[in-house]
N, C-alpha and C. Protein backbone atom coordinates (compact mmCIF):
# COMPACT_ATOMS: atom_id res chain seq x y z
N MET A 1 0.79 -1.25 0.00
CA MET A 1 -0.01 -0.04 -0.01
C MET A 1 0.88 1.17 -0.02
N VAL A 2 1.94 1.17 0.75
CA VAL A 2 2.81 2.45 0.85
C VAL A 2 3.51 2.65 -0.52
N ARG A 3 3.81 1.52 -1.22
CA ARG A 3 4.44 1.58 -2.52
C ARG A 3 3.51 2.23 -3.54
N VAL A 4 2.22 1.95 -3.46
CA VAL A 4 1.26 2.53 -4.33
C VAL A 4 1.10 3.99 -4.13
N LEU A 5 1.02 4.37 -2.83
CA LEU A 5 0.93 5.89 -2.44
C LEU A 5 2.17 6.58 -2.95
N TYR A 6 3.40 5.96 -2.75
CA TYR A 6 4.60 6.62 -3.13
C TYR A 6 4.63 6.76 -4.70
N GLY A 7 4.08 5.82 -5.36
CA GLY A 7 4.13 5.81 -6.82
C GLY A 7 3.10 6.92 -7.30
N LEU A 8 1.92 6.98 -6.67
CA LEU A 8 0.87 8.08 -6.95
C LEU A 8 1.55 9.49 -6.74
N GLN A 9 2.17 9.67 -5.60
CA GLN A 9 2.81 10.98 -5.24
C GLN A 9 3.88 11.25 -6.24
N SER A 10 4.66 10.28 -6.73
CA SER A 10 5.74 10.46 -7.71
C SER A 10 5.09 10.93 -9.00
N LEU A 11 3.96 10.33 -9.52
CA LEU A 11 3.40 10.66 -10.64
C LEU A 11 2.74 12.14 -10.68
N PHE A 12 2.19 12.41 -9.47
CA PHE A 12 1.65 13.73 -9.27
C PHE A 12 2.76 14.83 -9.22
N SER A 13 3.85 14.48 -8.75
CA SER A 13 5.02 15.43 -8.66
C SER A 13 5.59 15.61 -10.27
N LEU A 14 5.54 14.57 -10.83
CA LEU A 14 6.02 14.59 -12.33
C LEU A 14 5.06 15.43 -13.08
N TRP A 15 3.69 15.27 -12.87
CA TRP A 15 2.76 15.96 -13.59
C TRP A 15 2.91 17.46 -13.27
N MET A 16 3.11 17.90 -11.96
CA MET A 16 3.20 19.20 -11.61
C MET A 16 4.51 19.79 -12.16
N MET A 17 5.62 19.08 -12.19
CA MET A 17 6.81 19.48 -12.85
C MET A 17 6.73 19.74 -14.31
N VAL A 18 6.04 18.93 -15.06
CA VAL A 18 5.78 18.97 -16.51
C VAL A 18 4.90 20.32 -16.71
N ASP A 19 3.94 20.41 -15.94
CA ASP A 19 3.01 21.72 -16.07
C ASP A 19 3.78 22.93 -15.71
N ALA A 20 4.67 22.95 -14.85
CA ALA A 20 5.39 24.11 -14.52
C ALA A 20 6.33 24.39 -15.73
N MET A 21 6.97 23.37 -16.28
CA MET A 21 7.88 23.65 -17.49
C MET A 21 7.08 24.12 -18.66
N GLN A 22 5.88 23.56 -18.98
CA GLN A 22 5.10 23.97 -20.09
C GLN A 22 4.49 25.30 -19.88
N ARG A 23 4.12 25.67 -18.70
CA ARG A 23 3.61 26.92 -18.39
C ARG A 23 4.67 28.07 -18.32
N GLY A 24 5.86 27.73 -18.16
CA GLY A 24 6.92 28.62 -17.99
C GLY A 24 6.93 29.35 -16.72
N ALA A 25 6.54 28.55 -15.57
CA ALA A 25 6.43 29.09 -14.34
C ALA A 25 7.67 29.68 -13.74
N ALA A 26 7.63 30.58 -12.75
CA ALA A 26 8.76 31.19 -12.15
C ALA A 26 9.72 30.11 -11.66
N ARG A 27 11.00 30.41 -11.67
CA ARG A 27 12.05 29.46 -11.40
C ARG A 27 11.96 28.89 -10.05
N TYR A 28 11.44 29.67 -9.02
CA TYR A 28 11.33 29.16 -7.67
C TYR A 28 10.29 28.05 -7.45
N TRP A 29 9.49 27.78 -8.44
CA TRP A 29 8.55 26.56 -8.38
C TRP A 29 9.28 25.23 -8.50
N TYR A 30 10.28 25.21 -9.26
CA TYR A 30 10.97 24.01 -9.46
C TYR A 30 11.55 23.28 -8.29
N PRO A 31 12.16 23.99 -7.44
CA PRO A 31 12.65 23.40 -6.19
C PRO A 31 11.46 23.10 -5.18
N VAL A 32 10.48 24.05 -5.32
CA VAL A 32 9.22 23.94 -4.37
C VAL A 32 8.56 22.51 -4.74
N ILE A 33 8.49 22.22 -5.96
CA ILE A 33 7.78 20.96 -6.34
C ILE A 33 8.49 19.85 -5.88
N PHE A 34 9.80 19.84 -5.42
CA PHE A 34 10.48 18.73 -4.98
C PHE A 34 10.49 18.59 -3.50
N LEU A 35 9.89 19.55 -2.82
CA LEU A 35 9.78 19.52 -1.35
C LEU A 35 8.62 18.52 -1.01
N PRO A 36 8.54 17.94 0.18
CA PRO A 36 7.57 17.01 0.49
C PRO A 36 6.06 17.29 0.09
N PHE A 37 5.64 18.55 0.40
CA PHE A 37 4.29 18.87 0.02
C PHE A 37 4.20 19.90 -1.09
N GLY A 38 5.35 20.07 -1.68
CA GLY A 38 5.50 21.08 -2.81
C GLY A 38 4.51 20.78 -3.99
N PRO A 39 4.40 19.70 -4.59
CA PRO A 39 3.46 19.50 -5.65
C PRO A 39 2.01 19.96 -5.32
N PHE A 40 1.63 19.73 -3.97
CA PHE A 40 0.30 20.13 -3.58
C PHE A 40 0.16 21.63 -3.45
N VAL A 41 1.26 22.21 -3.01
CA VAL A 41 1.24 23.71 -2.95
C VAL A 41 1.17 24.25 -4.37
N TYR A 42 1.99 23.78 -5.37
CA TYR A 42 1.98 24.23 -6.68
C TYR A 42 0.58 24.01 -7.26
N PHE A 43 -0.07 22.88 -7.02
CA PHE A 43 -1.46 22.68 -7.49
C PHE A 43 -2.45 23.68 -7.12
N PHE A 44 -2.47 23.86 -5.66
CA PHE A 44 -3.45 24.69 -5.18
C PHE A 44 -3.11 26.23 -5.37
N VAL A 45 -1.95 26.61 -5.71
CA VAL A 45 -1.71 28.06 -6.02
C VAL A 45 -1.69 28.29 -7.43
N VAL A 46 -1.20 27.47 -8.40
CA VAL A 46 -1.09 27.72 -9.79
C VAL A 46 -2.07 26.94 -10.63
N LYS A 47 -2.05 25.68 -10.48
CA LYS A 47 -2.80 24.74 -11.32
C LYS A 47 -4.26 24.86 -11.30
N ILE A 48 -4.81 25.08 -10.06
CA ILE A 48 -6.25 25.13 -9.87
C ILE A 48 -6.86 26.24 -10.59
N HIS A 49 -6.16 27.21 -11.04
CA HIS A 49 -6.80 28.37 -11.87
C HIS A 49 -6.97 27.95 -13.29
N ASP A 50 -6.65 26.75 -13.70
CA ASP A 50 -6.92 26.43 -15.11
C ASP A 50 -8.39 26.20 -15.29
N ARG A 51 -8.83 26.34 -16.47
CA ARG A 51 -10.37 26.14 -16.82
C ARG A 51 -10.89 24.86 -16.50
N GLU A 52 -10.13 23.77 -16.71
CA GLU A 52 -10.67 22.35 -16.41
C GLU A 52 -10.86 22.15 -14.87
N PHE A 53 -10.29 22.96 -13.96
CA PHE A 53 -10.42 22.80 -12.57
C PHE A 53 -11.52 23.85 -12.01
N GLN A 54 -12.25 24.47 -12.87
CA GLN A 54 -13.16 25.47 -12.45
C GLN A 54 -14.20 24.97 -11.33
N SER A 55 -14.67 23.78 -11.41
CA SER A 55 -15.60 23.23 -10.49
C SER A 55 -14.85 22.95 -9.21
N LEU A 56 -13.71 22.45 -9.23
CA LEU A 56 -12.96 22.24 -8.05
C LEU A 56 -12.58 23.54 -7.43
N ARG A 57 -12.32 24.52 -8.08
CA ARG A 57 -11.97 25.85 -7.54
C ARG A 57 -13.17 26.40 -6.83
N ARG A 58 -14.41 26.19 -7.38
CA ARG A 58 -15.63 26.64 -6.75
C ARG A 58 -15.89 25.87 -5.47
N PHE A 59 -15.58 24.62 -5.47
CA PHE A 59 -15.78 23.78 -4.29
C PHE A 59 -14.98 24.31 -3.18
N PHE A 60 -13.60 24.59 -3.34
CA PHE A 60 -12.84 25.04 -2.32
C PHE A 60 -13.07 26.50 -2.04
N ALA A 61 -13.44 27.28 -2.93
CA ALA A 61 -13.86 28.72 -2.62
C ALA A 61 -15.01 28.81 -1.75
N GLY A 62 -15.93 27.81 -1.65
CA GLY A 62 -17.03 27.80 -0.80
C GLY A 62 -16.61 27.65 0.60
N TRP A 63 -15.42 27.02 0.89
CA TRP A 63 -14.97 26.87 2.18
C TRP A 63 -14.38 28.15 2.81
N SER A 64 -13.71 28.99 1.89
CA SER A 64 -12.86 30.12 2.38
C SER A 64 -13.67 31.39 2.51
N LYS A 65 -14.66 31.69 1.64
CA LYS A 65 -15.31 32.89 1.73
C LYS A 65 -16.79 32.69 1.97
N PRO A 66 -17.42 33.68 2.64
CA PRO A 66 -18.81 33.60 2.95
C PRO A 66 -19.73 33.83 1.74
N LYS A 67 -20.87 33.17 1.68
CA LYS A 67 -21.74 33.36 0.60
C LYS A 67 -22.27 34.73 0.62
N VAL A 68 -22.33 35.34 -0.66
CA VAL A 68 -22.93 36.69 -0.76
C VAL A 68 -24.34 36.46 -1.23
N THR A 69 -25.22 37.09 -0.48
CA THR A 69 -26.65 36.90 -0.75
C THR A 69 -27.18 38.15 -1.59
N LEU A 70 -28.30 37.96 -2.26
CA LEU A 70 -28.86 38.97 -2.95
C LEU A 70 -29.29 40.12 -2.01
N GLU A 71 -29.69 39.69 -0.82
CA GLU A 71 -30.10 40.74 0.16
C GLU A 71 -28.92 41.72 0.54
N SER A 72 -27.79 40.99 0.73
CA SER A 72 -26.59 41.90 1.07
C SER A 72 -26.12 42.73 -0.16
N LEU A 73 -26.40 42.09 -1.47
CA LEU A 73 -25.97 43.04 -2.56
C LEU A 73 -26.99 44.19 -2.73
N ARG A 74 -28.24 43.94 -2.46
CA ARG A 74 -29.34 44.97 -2.56
C ARG A 74 -29.05 46.02 -1.39
N PHE A 75 -28.61 45.56 -0.28
CA PHE A 75 -28.33 46.50 0.81
C PHE A 75 -27.18 47.37 0.41
N LYS A 76 -26.12 46.77 -0.11
CA LYS A 76 -24.95 47.61 -0.57
C LYS A 76 -25.37 48.73 -1.47
N VAL A 77 -26.18 48.35 -2.54
CA VAL A 77 -26.56 49.19 -3.54
C VAL A 77 -27.40 50.41 -2.88
N ALA A 78 -28.22 50.02 -1.84
CA ALA A 78 -29.08 50.96 -1.17
C ALA A 78 -28.24 51.93 -0.34
N GLU A 79 -27.30 51.39 0.30
CA GLU A 79 -26.37 52.27 1.14
C GLU A 79 -25.38 53.07 0.28
N THR A 80 -24.74 52.31 -0.72
CA THR A 80 -23.75 52.97 -1.55
C THR A 80 -23.92 52.71 -2.99
N PRO A 81 -24.83 53.41 -3.69
CA PRO A 81 -25.16 53.23 -5.01
C PRO A 81 -24.09 53.50 -6.07
N SER A 82 -22.94 52.83 -5.84
CA SER A 82 -21.83 53.01 -6.81
C SER A 82 -22.02 51.98 -7.98
N LEU A 83 -21.30 52.39 -8.97
CA LEU A 83 -21.34 51.56 -10.21
C LEU A 83 -20.92 50.10 -10.00
N ALA A 84 -19.86 50.00 -9.22
CA ALA A 84 -19.35 48.64 -8.87
C ALA A 84 -20.43 47.83 -8.02
N ASN A 85 -21.11 48.49 -7.14
CA ASN A 85 -22.12 47.76 -6.35
C ASN A 85 -23.32 47.39 -7.27
N LYS A 86 -23.77 48.32 -8.14
CA LYS A 86 -24.84 47.98 -9.11
C LYS A 86 -24.46 46.89 -9.94
N LEU A 87 -23.22 46.87 -10.45
CA LEU A 87 -22.77 45.79 -11.34
C LEU A 87 -22.70 44.42 -10.64
N ALA A 88 -22.32 44.45 -9.31
CA ALA A 88 -22.25 43.25 -8.51
C ALA A 88 -23.61 42.70 -8.29
N LEU A 89 -24.60 43.52 -8.09
CA LEU A 89 -25.97 43.10 -7.85
C LEU A 89 -26.51 42.50 -9.14
N ALA A 90 -26.29 43.14 -10.25
CA ALA A 90 -26.75 42.58 -11.52
C ALA A 90 -26.05 41.21 -11.82
N GLN A 91 -24.88 41.10 -11.52
CA GLN A 91 -24.19 39.76 -11.76
C GLN A 91 -24.73 38.78 -10.75
N GLY A 92 -24.94 39.14 -9.47
CA GLY A 92 -25.63 38.16 -8.54
C GLY A 92 -27.05 37.79 -8.95
N LEU A 93 -27.76 38.68 -9.52
CA LEU A 93 -29.18 38.36 -10.06
C LEU A 93 -29.02 37.46 -11.16
N PHE A 94 -28.00 37.60 -12.12
CA PHE A 94 -27.80 36.77 -13.15
C PHE A 94 -27.43 35.42 -12.71
N ASP A 95 -26.49 35.28 -11.69
CA ASP A 95 -26.11 33.94 -11.21
C ASP A 95 -27.27 33.29 -10.46
N ALA A 96 -28.17 33.97 -10.02
CA ALA A 96 -29.38 33.40 -9.32
C ALA A 96 -30.45 33.14 -10.30
N ARG A 97 -30.19 33.24 -11.53
CA ARG A 97 -31.04 32.98 -12.69
C ARG A 97 -32.28 33.87 -12.76
N LEU A 98 -32.22 35.02 -12.22
CA LEU A 98 -33.29 36.08 -12.37
C LEU A 98 -32.84 36.99 -13.49
N HIS A 99 -33.00 36.44 -14.73
CA HIS A 99 -32.42 37.12 -15.81
C HIS A 99 -33.13 38.46 -16.20
N GLU A 100 -34.37 38.52 -16.10
CA GLU A 100 -35.11 39.71 -16.46
C GLU A 100 -34.73 40.84 -15.59
N GLU A 101 -34.64 40.62 -14.20
CA GLU A 101 -34.28 41.55 -13.22
C GLU A 101 -32.85 41.99 -13.40
N ALA A 102 -32.07 40.99 -13.73
CA ALA A 102 -30.49 41.29 -14.01
C ALA A 102 -30.41 42.19 -15.18
N ALA A 103 -31.17 41.95 -16.25
CA ALA A 103 -31.14 42.71 -17.48
C ALA A 103 -31.54 44.17 -17.15
N ARG A 104 -32.45 44.38 -16.31
CA ARG A 104 -32.82 45.74 -16.04
C ARG A 104 -31.67 46.45 -15.22
N ASP A 105 -31.05 45.75 -14.33
CA ASP A 105 -29.90 46.35 -13.51
C ASP A 105 -28.79 46.54 -14.48
N PHE A 106 -28.52 45.63 -15.44
CA PHE A 106 -27.35 45.93 -16.32
C PHE A 106 -27.77 47.11 -17.19
N GLU A 107 -28.94 47.32 -17.68
CA GLU A 107 -29.32 48.48 -18.32
C GLU A 107 -29.17 49.80 -17.51
N ARG A 108 -29.46 49.65 -16.26
CA ARG A 108 -29.28 50.90 -15.37
C ARG A 108 -27.84 51.28 -15.26
N VAL A 109 -26.90 50.26 -15.22
CA VAL A 109 -25.48 50.48 -15.22
C VAL A 109 -25.13 51.24 -16.57
N LEU A 110 -25.56 50.68 -17.63
CA LEU A 110 -25.32 51.26 -18.93
C LEU A 110 -25.82 52.67 -19.09
N ALA A 111 -26.92 52.91 -18.37
CA ALA A 111 -27.49 54.31 -18.53
C ALA A 111 -26.55 55.30 -17.91
N SER A 112 -25.79 54.95 -16.91
CA SER A 112 -24.80 55.82 -16.34
C SER A 112 -23.37 55.67 -16.98
N ASP A 113 -23.05 54.48 -17.49
CA ASP A 113 -21.79 54.33 -18.14
C ASP A 113 -21.98 53.43 -19.32
N ALA A 114 -22.25 54.07 -20.55
CA ALA A 114 -22.65 53.41 -21.73
C ALA A 114 -21.49 52.47 -22.24
N GLU A 115 -20.31 52.71 -21.87
CA GLU A 115 -19.18 51.90 -22.42
C GLU A 115 -18.57 50.97 -21.37
N ASN A 116 -19.53 50.49 -20.42
CA ASN A 116 -19.08 49.51 -19.48
C ASN A 116 -19.12 48.15 -20.13
N LYS A 117 -17.94 47.55 -20.27
CA LYS A 117 -17.85 46.28 -21.04
C LYS A 117 -18.51 45.06 -20.13
N GLU A 118 -18.32 45.13 -18.80
CA GLU A 118 -18.95 44.01 -18.07
C GLU A 118 -20.55 44.06 -18.18
N ALA A 119 -21.11 45.32 -18.11
CA ALA A 119 -22.42 45.42 -18.26
C ALA A 119 -22.94 45.04 -19.58
N LEU A 120 -22.27 45.46 -20.59
CA LEU A 120 -22.65 45.05 -22.04
C LEU A 120 -22.69 43.49 -22.16
N TYR A 121 -21.70 42.89 -21.57
CA TYR A 121 -21.63 41.42 -21.77
C TYR A 121 -22.76 40.79 -20.79
N GLY A 122 -22.89 41.31 -19.65
CA GLY A 122 -23.92 40.76 -18.73
C GLY A 122 -25.33 40.86 -19.48
N LEU A 123 -25.64 42.10 -20.05
CA LEU A 123 -26.92 42.18 -20.66
C LEU A 123 -27.09 41.28 -21.87
N ALA A 124 -26.04 41.13 -22.63
CA ALA A 124 -26.10 40.12 -23.74
C ALA A 124 -26.37 38.78 -23.28
N LEU A 125 -25.77 38.37 -22.07
CA LEU A 125 -25.98 37.03 -21.52
C LEU A 125 -27.42 36.87 -21.07
N CYS A 126 -28.01 37.87 -20.49
CA CYS A 126 -29.40 37.98 -20.06
C CYS A 126 -30.41 37.76 -21.19
N GLN A 127 -30.01 38.55 -22.28
CA GLN A 127 -30.75 38.44 -23.52
C GLN A 127 -30.74 37.09 -24.17
N LEU A 128 -29.67 36.46 -24.19
CA LEU A 128 -29.46 35.08 -24.62
C LEU A 128 -30.32 34.09 -23.78
N GLU A 129 -30.25 34.29 -22.54
CA GLU A 129 -30.97 33.30 -21.58
C GLU A 129 -32.51 33.58 -21.76
N SER A 130 -32.94 34.74 -22.10
CA SER A 130 -34.44 34.96 -22.22
C SER A 130 -34.84 34.64 -23.67
N GLY A 131 -33.95 34.19 -24.62
CA GLY A 131 -34.31 33.92 -25.91
C GLY A 131 -34.45 35.09 -26.83
N ASP A 132 -34.05 36.22 -26.46
CA ASP A 132 -34.16 37.36 -27.38
C ASP A 132 -32.78 37.56 -28.07
N TYR A 133 -32.63 36.68 -29.06
CA TYR A 133 -31.35 36.48 -29.84
C TYR A 133 -31.04 37.76 -30.67
N PRO A 134 -31.97 38.39 -31.39
CA PRO A 134 -31.61 39.61 -32.08
C PRO A 134 -30.97 40.67 -31.31
N ARG A 135 -31.61 40.90 -30.09
CA ARG A 135 -31.10 41.94 -29.33
C ARG A 135 -29.70 41.53 -28.67
N ALA A 136 -29.57 40.27 -28.39
CA ALA A 136 -28.33 39.72 -27.79
C ALA A 136 -27.19 39.98 -28.97
N ILE A 137 -27.55 39.77 -30.10
CA ILE A 137 -26.58 39.94 -31.20
C ILE A 137 -26.16 41.32 -31.28
N GLU A 138 -27.17 42.24 -31.29
CA GLU A 138 -26.99 43.68 -31.38
C GLU A 138 -26.05 44.15 -30.11
N THR A 139 -26.40 43.65 -28.94
CA THR A 139 -25.55 43.99 -27.77
C THR A 139 -24.14 43.60 -27.85
N LEU A 140 -23.96 42.30 -28.32
CA LEU A 140 -22.56 41.77 -28.47
C LEU A 140 -21.95 42.58 -29.57
N GLY A 141 -22.55 43.04 -30.63
CA GLY A 141 -22.00 43.77 -31.59
C GLY A 141 -21.40 45.12 -31.09
N GLU A 142 -22.21 45.78 -30.22
CA GLU A 142 -21.82 46.92 -29.56
C GLU A 142 -20.50 46.75 -28.81
N LEU A 143 -20.60 45.59 -28.04
CA LEU A 143 -19.35 45.25 -27.25
C LEU A 143 -18.08 45.12 -28.08
N VAL A 144 -18.32 44.38 -29.21
CA VAL A 144 -17.15 44.20 -30.15
C VAL A 144 -16.64 45.52 -30.78
N GLU A 145 -17.57 46.43 -31.04
CA GLU A 145 -17.32 47.70 -31.61
C GLU A 145 -16.52 48.52 -30.68
N LEU A 146 -17.04 48.44 -29.41
CA LEU A 146 -16.31 49.20 -28.31
C LEU A 146 -14.93 48.67 -28.13
N LYS A 147 -14.71 47.43 -28.02
CA LYS A 147 -13.34 46.87 -27.98
C LYS A 147 -12.42 47.21 -29.18
N THR A 148 -12.97 47.20 -30.41
CA THR A 148 -12.15 47.61 -31.51
C THR A 148 -11.87 49.19 -31.48
N ARG A 149 -12.92 49.97 -31.05
CA ARG A 149 -12.66 51.34 -30.99
C ARG A 149 -11.55 51.69 -29.98
N GLN A 150 -11.52 51.00 -28.87
CA GLN A 150 -10.50 51.27 -27.91
C GLN A 150 -9.18 50.70 -28.41
N ARG A 151 -9.10 49.74 -29.09
CA ARG A 151 -7.85 49.21 -29.76
C ARG A 151 -7.23 50.20 -30.68
N ARG A 152 -8.14 50.84 -31.45
CA ARG A 152 -7.61 51.83 -32.57
C ARG A 152 -7.34 53.15 -31.92
N ALA A 153 -7.76 53.47 -30.88
CA ALA A 153 -7.56 54.72 -30.22
C ALA A 153 -6.08 55.08 -30.04
N PRO A 154 -5.70 56.24 -30.60
CA PRO A 154 -4.14 56.56 -30.55
C PRO A 154 -3.75 56.71 -29.10
N ARG A 155 -2.52 56.16 -28.74
CA ARG A 155 -2.03 56.07 -27.45
C ARG A 155 -1.06 57.35 -27.31
N ALA A 156 -1.13 57.89 -26.20
CA ALA A 156 -0.20 59.08 -25.92
C ALA A 156 1.31 58.46 -25.88
N PRO A 157 2.24 59.16 -26.36
CA PRO A 157 3.64 58.59 -26.32
C PRO A 157 4.13 58.56 -24.86
N CYS A 158 5.08 57.78 -24.59
CA CYS A 158 5.60 57.55 -23.25
C CYS A 158 6.58 58.60 -22.86
N TRP A 159 7.09 59.25 -23.89
CA TRP A 159 8.19 60.19 -23.60
C TRP A 159 7.65 61.63 -23.78
N PRO A 160 8.27 62.51 -23.15
CA PRO A 160 7.80 64.01 -23.27
C PRO A 160 8.17 64.45 -24.69
N SER A 161 7.51 65.35 -25.30
CA SER A 161 7.83 65.79 -26.66
C SER A 161 8.44 67.16 -26.61
């Protein structure tokens, strides 16, 4: 049994080392991976952020931070109606599958900041979930145009003229 566990840990260490090399991780990770619990440290600090471990990340995130409720988000917006709080409430409503209410809140954010990319994307997702595909395509088109417009904008030189 001990040999099996040792073999599994060796394979896990090898997997983390190969991942570190492919990822081009910082040099300090290579000796860390060879420490007794090093591969596990590397996994939970670096590897868990990969897309394929999203569900595992959510599972462990549930242990570390308290659940944010819609009531607390609504309270924050009532107390401090900042753009960030309104956006957080809209995202919370979307996560709770209250798509129509979330769409209204995303539109309120866009009323005060028409170029807010997160609000445009959230609104498009709400429109997709509600089945309003033409409006979703139009909203996503606005988002794409906004991103290309920002890319084309001339940048100020870094040096004084």
